[in-house]
Amino acid sequence: MGIRENTIVTRRRLKAAGAAFVAVCLLLAATSCSKVTKENYDRLKIGMEYSEVVDILGNPGECSAVLSIRDCTWGDDDRSINVKMVGDEVFFISSKGL
């Protein structure tokens, strides 16, 4: 095999290895980063401030507010944590699929 063919083979192997590395990184990021767990749900308490909840769960996926009531959800359709607050204080906590 000449130098040119060897270089082409090496580039293909590097490209394949790079693609595999990116795929593994994305898979790890998708599965290991979720803070929507039973353990974190159990850490939430009535009376906590919004900032304390964010320290535990990270930023919510969605929040809505009506008057002084804020309703925030972390997670997805299968696993989620929902927190309702009056002003900045938690008054209701629920979960799904934990």
Protein backbone atom coordinates (compact mmCIF):
# COMPACT_ATOMS: atom_id res chain seq x y z
CA MET A 1 0.00 0.00 0.00
CA GLY A 2 1.38 3.41 -0.93
CA ILE A 3 1.52 6.55 1.18
CA ARG A 4 -1.60 8.01 -0.47
CA GLU A 5 -3.74 4.92 0.21
CA ASN A 6 -2.40 4.69 3.77
CA THR A 7 -3.33 8.35 4.38
CA ILE A 8 -6.87 7.77 3.06
CA VAL A 9 -7.35 4.73 5.33
CA THR A 10 -6.04 6.65 8.34
CA ARG A 11 -8.40 9.58 7.66
CA ARG A 12 -11.37 7.22 7.39
CA ARG A 13 -10.47 5.55 10.68
CA LEU A 14 -10.08 8.92 12.42
CA LYS A 15 -13.41 10.11 11.03
CA ALA A 16 -15.16 6.93 12.22
CA ALA A 17 -13.52 7.16 15.65
CA GLY A 18 -14.52 10.82 15.95
CA ALA A 19 -18.13 10.03 15.06
CA ALA A 20 -18.23 7.22 17.62
CA PHE A 21 -16.77 9.51 20.29
CA VAL A 22 -19.41 12.19 19.61
CA ALA A 23 -22.19 9.59 19.76
CA VAL A 24 -20.97 8.28 23.13
CA CYS A 25 -20.69 11.81 24.52
CA LEU A 26 -24.24 12.66 23.44
CA LEU A 27 -25.58 9.46 24.95
CA LEU A 28 -23.84 10.11 28.27
CA ALA A 29 -25.04 13.71 28.33
CA ALA A 30 -28.62 12.65 27.69
CA THR A 31 -28.71 9.94 30.34
CA SER A 32 -26.55 11.21 33.18
CA CYS A 33 -27.45 14.89 33.45
CA SER A 34 -31.06 14.62 34.51
CA LYS A 35 -31.71 16.09 37.92
CA VAL A 36 -35.30 14.84 37.79
CA THR A 37 -34.80 12.01 40.27
CA LYS A 38 -36.63 10.62 43.29
CA GLU A 39 -33.68 11.68 45.45
CA ASN A 40 -33.92 15.32 44.32
CA TYR A 41 -37.72 15.26 44.59
CA ASP A 42 -37.35 14.14 48.21
CA ARG A 43 -35.05 17.13 48.88
CA LEU A 44 -37.78 19.61 47.92
CA LYS A 45 -39.79 21.05 50.82
CA ILE A 46 -42.85 23.23 51.20
CA GLY A 47 -41.72 26.77 52.05
CA MET A 48 -38.49 26.63 50.00
CA GLU A 49 -37.64 29.60 47.81
CA TYR A 50 -37.54 29.33 44.01
CA SER A 51 -33.76 29.81 44.01
CA GLU A 52 -33.33 26.81 46.36
CA VAL A 53 -35.41 24.64 44.02
CA VAL A 54 -33.31 25.77 41.04
CA ASP A 55 -30.15 24.91 43.00
CA ILE A 56 -31.44 21.33 43.29
CA LEU A 57 -33.13 20.81 39.91
CA GLY A 58 -31.54 23.40 37.62
CA ASN A 59 -33.60 25.73 35.45
CA PRO A 60 -37.16 24.54 34.74
CA GLY A 61 -38.21 23.32 31.33
CA GLU A 62 -41.25 25.55 31.52
CA CYS A 63 -42.91 28.01 33.88
CA SER A 64 -46.18 29.85 33.77
CA ALA A 65 -47.55 32.48 36.09
CA VAL A 66 -51.03 33.74 36.90
CA LEU A 67 -51.18 36.65 39.30
CA SER A 68 -48.68 35.69 42.00
CA ILE A 69 -48.85 31.91 41.45
CA ARG A 70 -45.96 30.37 39.50
CA ASP A 71 -46.20 26.82 38.12
CA CYS A 72 -42.86 25.28 36.99
CA THR A 73 -42.09 21.86 35.54
CA TRP A 74 -38.78 20.00 35.21
CA GLY A 75 -38.43 16.90 33.03
CA ASP A 76 -40.51 15.48 30.20
CA ASP A 77 -43.81 13.65 29.58
CA ASP A 78 -42.49 10.42 31.13
CA ARG A 79 -40.65 11.78 34.21
CA SER A 80 -41.31 15.17 35.71
CA ILE A 81 -41.36 17.27 38.84
CA ASN A 82 -43.90 20.07 39.18
CA VAL A 83 -43.59 22.87 41.72
CA LYS A 84 -46.19 25.54 42.44
CA MET A 85 -45.22 28.74 44.25
CA VAL A 86 -46.96 31.75 45.67
CA GLY A 87 -44.64 34.66 45.23
CA ASP A 88 -41.25 32.99 45.65
CA GLU A 89 -42.32 30.27 48.12
CA VAL A 90 -43.17 26.63 47.31
CA PHE A 91 -46.64 25.52 48.40
CA PHE A 92 -47.19 22.37 46.30
CA ILE A 93 -44.85 19.68 44.91
CA SER A 94 -45.75 16.72 42.72
CA SER A 95 -43.99 14.20 40.49
CA LYS A 96 -44.72 11.79 37.67
CA GLY A 97 -42.83 8.63 36.77
CA LEU A 98 -40.08 8.82 39.41
